[in-house]
Protein backbone atom coordinates (compact mmCIF):
# COMPACT_ATOMS: atom_id res chain seq x y z
CA MET A 1 65.86 -76.68 -46.99
CA GLN A 2 62.76 -78.46 -45.93
CA GLU A 3 60.64 -76.26 -43.77
CA LYS A 4 59.26 -79.07 -41.77
CA ASN A 5 62.76 -80.01 -40.46
CA TYR A 6 63.73 -76.54 -39.31
CA ILE A 7 60.97 -74.23 -38.54
CA SER A 8 59.41 -74.23 -35.03
CA ASN A 9 56.09 -75.77 -34.81
CA LYS A 10 54.86 -72.78 -32.83
CA VAL A 11 55.75 -70.52 -35.69
CA LYS A 12 54.49 -72.73 -38.40
CA GLU A 13 51.02 -72.78 -36.72
CA MET A 14 51.06 -69.01 -36.28
CA PRO A 15 49.00 -67.23 -38.80
CA PHE A 16 50.27 -64.07 -40.58
CA SER A 17 48.59 -60.81 -39.47
CA GLY A 18 45.03 -60.45 -40.96
CA ILE A 19 45.64 -56.72 -41.16
CA ARG A 20 48.67 -56.99 -43.20
CA LYS A 21 47.22 -59.59 -45.56
CA PHE A 22 44.66 -57.02 -46.89
CA PHE A 23 47.19 -54.09 -46.57
CA ASP A 24 49.85 -55.93 -48.64
CA VAL A 25 47.26 -56.83 -51.48
CA ALA A 26 45.85 -53.31 -51.52
CA ALA A 27 49.41 -51.94 -51.78
CA GLU A 28 49.93 -53.90 -55.20
CA MET A 29 46.71 -52.63 -56.74
CA GLU A 30 46.27 -49.13 -58.37
CA GLY A 31 43.65 -46.67 -57.32
CA VAL A 32 42.71 -48.43 -53.91
CA ILE A 33 41.31 -46.52 -51.16
CA SER A 34 42.60 -48.17 -48.04
CA LEU A 35 41.08 -47.66 -44.63
CA GLY A 36 42.70 -50.76 -43.24
CA VAL A 37 45.88 -49.66 -41.37
CA GLY A 38 45.71 -47.96 -37.85
CA GLU A 39 48.20 -45.23 -38.74
CA PRO A 40 47.60 -41.51 -38.23
CA ASP A 41 47.45 -39.51 -41.39
CA PHE A 42 48.96 -36.58 -39.76
CA ASP A 43 52.63 -35.79 -39.98
CA THR A 44 54.63 -36.02 -36.73
CA PRO A 45 54.58 -32.37 -35.26
CA ILE A 46 57.23 -30.27 -36.73
CA ASN A 47 58.90 -29.47 -33.31
CA ILE A 48 59.27 -33.13 -32.73
CA ARG A 49 60.93 -33.78 -36.04
CA LYS A 50 63.28 -30.75 -35.55
CA LYS A 51 64.33 -32.08 -32.17
CA ALA A 52 65.29 -35.39 -33.62
CA ILE A 53 67.27 -33.84 -36.45
CA GLU A 54 69.01 -31.52 -33.92
CA SER A 55 70.05 -34.68 -31.85
CA ILE A 56 71.53 -36.15 -34.88
CA GLU A 57 73.40 -33.07 -35.87
CA GLU A 58 74.75 -32.73 -32.43
CA GLY A 59 76.20 -36.31 -32.67
CA LYS A 60 73.80 -37.78 -30.10
CA THR A 61 73.73 -41.13 -31.93
CA THR A 62 75.37 -43.58 -29.31
CA TYR A 63 73.60 -46.20 -27.28
CA THR A 64 71.65 -44.90 -24.22
CA SER A 65 71.08 -46.64 -20.98
CA ASN A 66 69.06 -49.86 -21.44
CA LEU A 67 66.20 -48.41 -19.62
CA GLY A 68 66.29 -45.29 -21.84
CA THR A 69 67.67 -41.78 -21.25
CA LYS A 70 67.21 -40.39 -17.84
CA GLU A 71 65.48 -37.29 -19.12
CA LEU A 72 62.95 -39.15 -21.10
CA ARG A 73 62.14 -41.54 -18.28
CA LYS A 74 61.61 -38.56 -15.89
CA GLU A 75 59.32 -36.99 -18.35
CA ILE A 76 57.37 -40.22 -18.79
CA SER A 77 56.96 -40.29 -14.94
CA ARG A 78 55.80 -36.78 -14.84
CA TYR A 79 53.27 -37.33 -17.66
CA LEU A 80 51.77 -40.47 -16.11
CA LYS A 81 51.32 -38.67 -12.93
CA GLU A 82 49.68 -35.58 -14.40
CA ARG A 83 47.43 -37.31 -16.88
CA PHE A 84 46.46 -40.51 -15.00
CA GLN A 85 47.43 -40.18 -11.41
CA LEU A 86 50.11 -42.86 -11.56
CA GLU A 87 53.34 -42.32 -9.72
CA TYR A 88 56.37 -44.24 -10.86
CA ASP A 89 60.13 -43.77 -9.93
CA SER A 90 61.94 -43.04 -13.15
CA LYS A 91 65.09 -44.78 -11.92
CA ASP A 92 63.70 -48.24 -11.75
CA GLN A 93 59.98 -48.38 -12.54
CA VAL A 94 60.07 -47.11 -16.26
CA ILE A 95 61.71 -48.69 -19.25
CA VAL A 96 61.71 -47.19 -22.73
CA THR A 97 60.85 -49.82 -25.44
CA VAL A 98 60.75 -50.29 -29.11
CA GLY A 99 57.07 -49.23 -29.40
CA ALA A 100 54.29 -50.63 -27.09
CA SER A 101 54.75 -53.81 -29.10
CA GLU A 102 58.11 -54.60 -27.63
CA GLY A 103 56.53 -53.95 -24.22
CA ILE A 104 53.83 -56.55 -24.66
CA ASP A 105 56.45 -59.18 -25.67
CA ILE A 106 58.92 -58.65 -22.86
CA ALA A 107 56.28 -58.24 -20.23
CA LEU A 108 54.68 -61.56 -21.19
CA ARG A 109 58.15 -63.21 -21.28
CA ALA A 110 59.10 -61.74 -17.85
CA LEU A 111 56.01 -63.15 -16.24
CA ILE A 112 55.07 -66.40 -17.95
CA ASP A 113 56.19 -69.94 -17.28
CA PRO A 114 55.19 -72.80 -19.52
CA GLY A 115 51.50 -73.62 -18.92
CA ASP A 116 50.54 -70.46 -17.23
CA GLU A 117 47.20 -69.13 -18.65
CA VAL A 118 46.97 -65.58 -19.90
CA LEU A 119 43.43 -64.13 -20.34
CA TYR A 120 42.73 -61.56 -23.03
CA HIS A 121 39.54 -60.15 -24.40
CA GLU A 122 38.50 -60.51 -28.15
CA PRO A 123 38.21 -59.02 -30.50
CA CYS A 124 41.71 -57.79 -29.93
CA TYR A 125 44.98 -56.56 -31.42
CA VAL A 126 46.48 -59.13 -33.66
CA SER A 127 49.82 -59.64 -31.70
CA TYR A 128 48.29 -60.66 -28.26
CA MET A 129 47.75 -64.38 -29.00
CA PRO A 130 50.98 -64.95 -30.91
CA CYS A 131 52.89 -63.18 -28.26
CA ILE A 132 51.33 -65.30 -25.37
CA VAL A 133 52.26 -68.46 -27.39
CA MET A 134 55.80 -67.34 -28.01
CA ALA A 135 56.21 -66.64 -24.29
CA GLY A 136 55.20 -70.29 -23.45
CA GLY A 137 51.80 -69.30 -22.18
CA VAL A 138 48.36 -70.70 -22.71
CA PRO A 139 46.09 -68.13 -24.46
CA VAL A 140 42.51 -67.93 -23.15
CA PRO A 141 40.24 -65.59 -25.11
CA ILE A 142 37.23 -63.94 -23.45
CA VAL A 143 34.58 -62.88 -25.89
CA THR A 144 33.35 -59.29 -25.73
CA ARG A 145 30.01 -58.39 -27.45
CA ASN A 146 28.38 -55.63 -29.44
CA GLU A 147 25.40 -55.62 -26.91
CA ASN A 148 27.91 -54.86 -24.08
CA GLN A 149 29.67 -52.15 -26.15
CA PHE A 150 32.57 -54.59 -26.35
CA ARG A 151 33.50 -54.09 -22.63
CA LEU A 152 35.02 -56.85 -20.73
CA THR A 153 32.30 -57.95 -18.15
CA PRO A 154 32.98 -59.19 -14.70
CA GLU A 155 30.80 -62.16 -15.25
CA ASP A 156 32.72 -63.36 -18.36
CA LEU A 157 36.07 -62.59 -16.63
CA GLU A 158 35.18 -64.88 -13.64
CA LYS A 159 34.15 -67.62 -15.91
CA ALA A 160 37.51 -67.67 -17.62
CA ILE A 161 39.66 -67.88 -14.46
CA THR A 162 41.17 -71.11 -13.39
CA PRO A 163 43.98 -72.10 -10.84
CA LYS A 164 46.47 -71.66 -13.85
CA THR A 165 45.48 -68.09 -14.62
CA LYS A 166 48.33 -65.82 -13.97
CA VAL A 167 47.76 -62.70 -16.21
CA LEU A 168 45.14 -60.55 -17.81
CA LEU A 169 46.04 -58.65 -20.98
CA LEU A 170 43.89 -55.60 -21.04
CA ASN A 171 43.49 -53.08 -24.00
CA TYR A 172 41.07 -50.02 -23.62
CA PRO A 173 40.61 -47.85 -25.55
CA ASN A 174 40.34 -50.97 -27.77
CA ASN A 175 41.79 -51.90 -31.18
CA PRO A 176 39.77 -52.94 -33.16
CA THR A 177 36.38 -51.80 -31.78
CA GLY A 178 37.07 -48.47 -30.23
CA ALA A 179 35.46 -49.55 -27.00
CA ILE A 180 36.43 -48.00 -23.75
CA MET A 181 36.11 -49.07 -20.12
CA GLU A 182 34.78 -46.38 -17.55
CA LYS A 183 35.98 -46.24 -14.02
CA GLU A 184 33.03 -48.16 -12.59
CA ASP A 185 33.60 -50.99 -15.17
CA LEU A 186 37.24 -51.21 -14.22
CA GLU A 187 36.46 -51.30 -10.57
CA LYS A 188 34.44 -54.45 -10.95
CA ILE A 189 37.17 -56.10 -12.95
CA ALA A 190 39.81 -55.00 -10.43
CA ASP A 191 37.91 -56.47 -7.50
CA ILE A 192 38.07 -59.94 -9.32
CA LEU A 193 41.75 -59.55 -10.09
CA VAL A 194 42.65 -58.78 -6.53
CA LYS A 195 40.81 -61.57 -5.11
CA ASN A 196 42.13 -63.98 -7.43
CA ASP A 197 45.66 -62.68 -7.27
CA ILE A 198 46.02 -62.04 -11.05
CA LEU A 199 48.47 -59.72 -12.67
CA VAL A 200 47.63 -57.19 -15.42
CA ILE A 201 49.36 -56.02 -18.64
CA THR A 202 47.37 -53.06 -19.74
CA ASP A 203 48.01 -51.77 -23.22
CA GLU A 204 46.92 -48.02 -23.16
CA ILE A 205 48.53 -46.81 -26.39
CA TYR A 206 45.15 -45.11 -27.28
CA SER A 207 44.78 -43.48 -23.79
CA GLU A 208 44.87 -39.82 -25.37
CA LEU A 209 42.28 -40.66 -27.93
CA THR A 210 38.82 -40.67 -26.09
CA TYR A 211 35.74 -38.77 -27.05
CA GLY A 212 32.26 -37.74 -25.83
CA GLY A 213 33.75 -36.06 -22.80
CA ARG A 214 35.16 -39.41 -21.48
CA LYS A 215 38.79 -39.24 -19.89
CA HIS A 216 40.85 -42.41 -19.85
CA VAL A 217 41.18 -44.17 -16.58
CA SER A 218 44.06 -46.62 -16.02
CA ILE A 219 43.32 -49.76 -14.17
CA ALA A 220 46.62 -49.21 -12.26
CA SER A 221 45.15 -46.16 -10.53
CA LEU A 222 42.47 -48.23 -8.81
CA PRO A 223 42.89 -49.61 -5.25
CA GLY A 224 44.98 -52.79 -5.05
CA MET A 225 46.00 -52.67 -8.75
CA TYR A 226 49.13 -50.50 -8.75
CA GLU A 227 51.38 -53.29 -7.37
CA ARG A 228 50.00 -55.85 -9.89
CA THR A 229 49.84 -53.84 -13.00
CA ILE A 230 52.26 -53.15 -15.95
CA VAL A 231 51.28 -50.11 -17.89
CA LEU A 232 52.16 -50.08 -21.59
CA ASN A 233 51.99 -46.92 -23.65
CA GLY A 234 53.84 -45.14 -26.52
CA PHE A 235 54.10 -42.39 -29.01
CA SER A 236 52.86 -43.92 -32.22
CA LYS A 237 49.06 -43.13 -32.08
CA ALA A 238 48.63 -39.93 -30.03
CA PHE A 239 51.77 -38.14 -31.43
CA ALA A 240 51.59 -39.58 -35.03
CA MET A 241 54.96 -41.28 -34.40
CA THR A 242 54.42 -44.71 -35.72
CA GLY A 243 57.69 -45.13 -37.64
CA TRP A 244 59.77 -43.81 -34.67
CA ARG A 245 59.17 -47.07 -32.77
CA LEU A 246 59.08 -45.57 -29.27
CA GLY A 247 57.04 -46.88 -26.37
CA TYR A 248 57.41 -47.49 -22.67
CA ALA A 249 56.39 -49.67 -19.73
CA ALA A 250 55.77 -48.62 -16.14
CA GLY A 251 55.17 -50.96 -13.12
CA PRO A 252 56.57 -52.67 -9.99
CA LYS A 253 60.31 -52.41 -9.89
CA GLU A 254 60.94 -56.23 -9.74
CA ILE A 255 58.87 -56.67 -12.91
CA ILE A 256 60.50 -53.80 -14.79
CA SER A 257 63.95 -55.27 -13.77
CA ALA A 258 62.90 -58.66 -15.22
CA MET A 259 61.70 -56.98 -18.49
CA THR A 260 65.05 -55.07 -18.57
CA LYS A 261 67.01 -58.30 -18.50
CA ILE A 262 65.14 -59.49 -21.66
CA HIS A 263 65.39 -56.04 -23.38
CA GLN A 264 69.04 -55.64 -22.87
CA TYR A 265 69.87 -58.90 -24.46
CA VAL A 266 67.59 -58.56 -27.53
CA ILE A 267 67.29 -54.94 -28.13
CA MET A 268 69.91 -53.03 -26.11
CA CYS A 269 67.94 -49.66 -26.18
CA ALA A 270 65.21 -47.85 -28.17
CA PRO A 271 66.53 -45.70 -31.12
CA THR A 272 68.41 -42.77 -29.57
CA MET A 273 67.11 -40.07 -31.92
CA SER A 274 63.49 -41.31 -31.26
CA GLN A 275 64.06 -40.81 -27.59
CA TYR A 276 65.06 -37.20 -28.01
CA ALA A 277 61.94 -36.88 -30.17
CA GLY A 278 59.77 -38.46 -27.56
CA LEU A 279 61.15 -36.03 -24.86
CA GLU A 280 60.05 -33.09 -27.03
CA ALA A 281 56.75 -34.78 -27.67
CA LEU A 282 55.87 -35.07 -23.95
CA LYS A 283 57.22 -31.62 -23.01
CA ASN A 284 55.95 -29.37 -25.84
CA SER A 285 53.37 -31.21 -28.05
CA MET A 286 50.23 -31.90 -26.13
CA ASP A 287 48.44 -29.01 -27.97
CA SER A 288 49.10 -30.95 -31.28
CA VAL A 289 47.74 -34.09 -29.64
CA GLU A 290 44.50 -32.22 -28.87
CA GLN A 291 44.19 -30.77 -32.33
CA MET A 292 44.54 -34.28 -33.84
CA ARG A 293 42.07 -35.78 -31.32
CA LEU A 294 39.42 -33.12 -32.30
CA GLU A 295 39.92 -33.96 -35.96
CA TYR A 296 39.55 -37.70 -35.28
CA ASP A 297 36.39 -37.00 -33.25
CA GLU A 298 34.83 -35.11 -36.21
CA ARG A 299 35.66 -38.08 -38.48
CA ARG A 300 34.37 -40.55 -35.92
CA GLN A 301 31.03 -39.04 -35.85
CA TYR A 302 30.81 -38.70 -39.50
CA VAL A 303 31.70 -42.39 -40.16
CA VAL A 304 29.35 -43.72 -37.63
CA GLU A 305 26.45 -41.71 -38.87
CA ARG A 306 27.17 -42.71 -42.53
CA PHE A 307 27.30 -46.49 -41.74
CA ARG A 308 24.07 -46.26 -39.74
CA ALA A 309 22.45 -44.28 -42.70
CA ILE A 310 23.28 -47.10 -45.16
CA GLY A 311 21.91 -49.66 -42.95
CA MET A 312 24.88 -51.10 -41.23
CA ASP A 313 24.58 -51.47 -37.54
CA CYS A 314 27.42 -49.53 -35.91
CA PHE A 315 28.17 -49.24 -32.19
CA GLU A 316 29.45 -45.83 -31.27
CA PRO A 317 33.23 -46.09 -30.38
CA LEU A 318 34.42 -43.71 -27.73
CA GLY A 319 38.13 -44.25 -28.06
CA ALA A 320 41.02 -45.02 -30.47
CA PHE A 321 40.33 -44.27 -34.23
CA TYR A 322 38.29 -47.33 -35.43
CA VAL A 323 34.74 -48.32 -35.95
CA PHE A 324 33.63 -51.93 -36.11
CA PRO A 325 30.35 -52.05 -38.11
CA SER A 326 28.21 -55.16 -38.56
CA ILE A 327 27.96 -56.68 -42.05
CA GLU A 328 25.27 -59.04 -41.08
CA LYS A 329 22.86 -57.79 -43.63
CA SER A 330 25.43 -58.66 -46.58
CA LYS A 331 24.86 -62.44 -45.80
CA MET A 332 28.63 -62.82 -46.27
CA THR A 333 31.40 -63.71 -43.98
CA SER A 334 33.85 -61.03 -43.05
CA ASP A 335 36.56 -62.37 -45.26
CA GLU A 336 34.20 -62.69 -48.23
CA PHE A 337 32.84 -59.08 -47.62
CA CYS A 338 36.38 -57.62 -47.54
CA GLU A 339 37.70 -59.51 -50.42
CA LYS A 340 34.90 -58.76 -52.73
CA LEU A 341 34.91 -55.04 -51.73
CA LEU A 342 38.64 -54.89 -52.39
CA PHE A 343 38.67 -56.69 -55.74
CA THR A 344 35.36 -55.30 -57.23
CA LYS A 345 35.38 -51.77 -55.70
CA LYS A 346 39.06 -51.20 -54.69
CA VAL A 347 38.29 -50.18 -51.00
CA ALA A 348 40.32 -52.03 -48.36
CA ILE A 349 39.12 -52.64 -44.85
CA VAL A 350 39.97 -55.35 -42.51
CA PRO A 351 37.58 -58.52 -41.63
CA GLY A 352 36.68 -58.75 -38.13
CA THR A 353 38.02 -62.24 -37.93
CA ALA A 354 41.55 -60.84 -38.05
CA PHE A 355 40.97 -59.92 -34.53
CA GLY A 356 39.74 -63.17 -33.20
CA ALA A 357 36.90 -65.66 -34.26
CA CYS A 358 34.30 -63.68 -32.38
CA GLY A 359 34.95 -60.89 -34.89
CA GLU A 360 32.97 -62.66 -37.50
CA GLY A 361 30.13 -60.62 -38.86
CA PHE A 362 32.13 -57.34 -38.45
CA VAL A 363 34.71 -55.38 -40.33
CA ARG A 364 37.25 -52.85 -38.98
CA VAL A 365 37.38 -49.43 -40.61
CA SER A 366 40.10 -46.91 -39.51
CA TYR A 367 39.11 -43.20 -39.59
CA ALA A 368 42.75 -42.17 -39.33
CA TYR A 369 42.38 -40.91 -42.85
CA SER A 370 41.34 -37.58 -44.51
CA MET A 371 37.61 -36.64 -44.59
CA GLU A 372 37.84 -36.80 -48.35
CA GLU A 373 39.06 -40.49 -48.43
CA LEU A 374 36.41 -41.41 -45.75
CA LYS A 375 33.61 -39.95 -47.84
CA ASN A 376 34.71 -41.48 -51.01
CA ALA A 377 35.30 -44.93 -49.49
CA ILE A 378 31.85 -44.92 -47.69
CA ASP A 379 30.18 -43.76 -50.79
CA ILE A 380 31.56 -46.87 -52.61
CA ILE A 381 30.64 -49.10 -49.52
CA GLU A 382 27.04 -47.59 -49.84
CA GLN A 383 26.83 -48.61 -53.55
CA PHE A 384 28.39 -52.07 -52.73
CA MET A 385 25.82 -52.75 -50.10
CA ALA A 386 22.94 -51.54 -52.45
CA GLU A 387 24.13 -54.08 -55.10
CA ILE A 388 24.32 -56.90 -52.57
CA ASN A 389 20.87 -56.24 -51.28
CA GLY A 390 19.50 -56.20 -54.89
């Protein structure tokens, strides 16, 4: 088979994930300390695991409704109302998905016609641009900057809007930078979106992981935004349930209905035992979430202080579990820095360019690892920087 005769041009031109590139290389090497993957190092809380096992033992292994079980959707609605002041009818405004990742895909496909422009802020999660392209949209990145704490500014948003703009894809707390948007930041963005009649897909997978006394605010809770926003969230990060592949979307019922059409043809339903686990998570596991958040916060403060102490400029992240330090003093590109660190020192981190061209000059370091691993890795990075600087 000749690839050029069969493979879609869209797919041929699509790069492989920059995160997985380094993860896969590191996985083949012995003795590597990897801080590259955004995966909690905690086990899924025991009560959640037991509930999933119980559901299997009781034979609850059939398909569920396309939308997800009635009980889980009701619990998601309750959770969103209590935590973020968002009120959704569980009957037709909530859909359970295979992770937040599926939610991104089907939300874009439900909204985008060929030629529609989708705005998104960079640095960003690696799947946004490819998902926009696969949905037939035109990706329009908006650069966010270190000096603005990687927040989307109203000035940059307005500059990017054209008559073809249909959707803004928003992600705060942010992967890879750990940036957050406070209520006053979001209000300025919301005014522009309402004025220009632009829809929002907001990826809030890290909403439970905020620090420094900040509480997450959803843009959907602001005046004029509820009816034009699809909220995406899930269980992977806050509940340490990455492999369970469970997420959800909430929004206007006509948009959720359109997303359900796609979901029912390509997925059918999210894994049944995962849905029972998710129900237990929301009902009885918020204490576990808080314990993990406090541990992440301790690691966050340690990592930021260490990078600054070794002369690497590091903005203080207030969300998620990543830091995004500058490697400017190394005089290397992000790719060169990460490759040399991996092959000479056996420490794996991710180049900032994996998250967009404007990530050049930065690297992403996950602190979803034990304090011992973090200390060992940063000791090695300190030695590496000292050797580079002569």
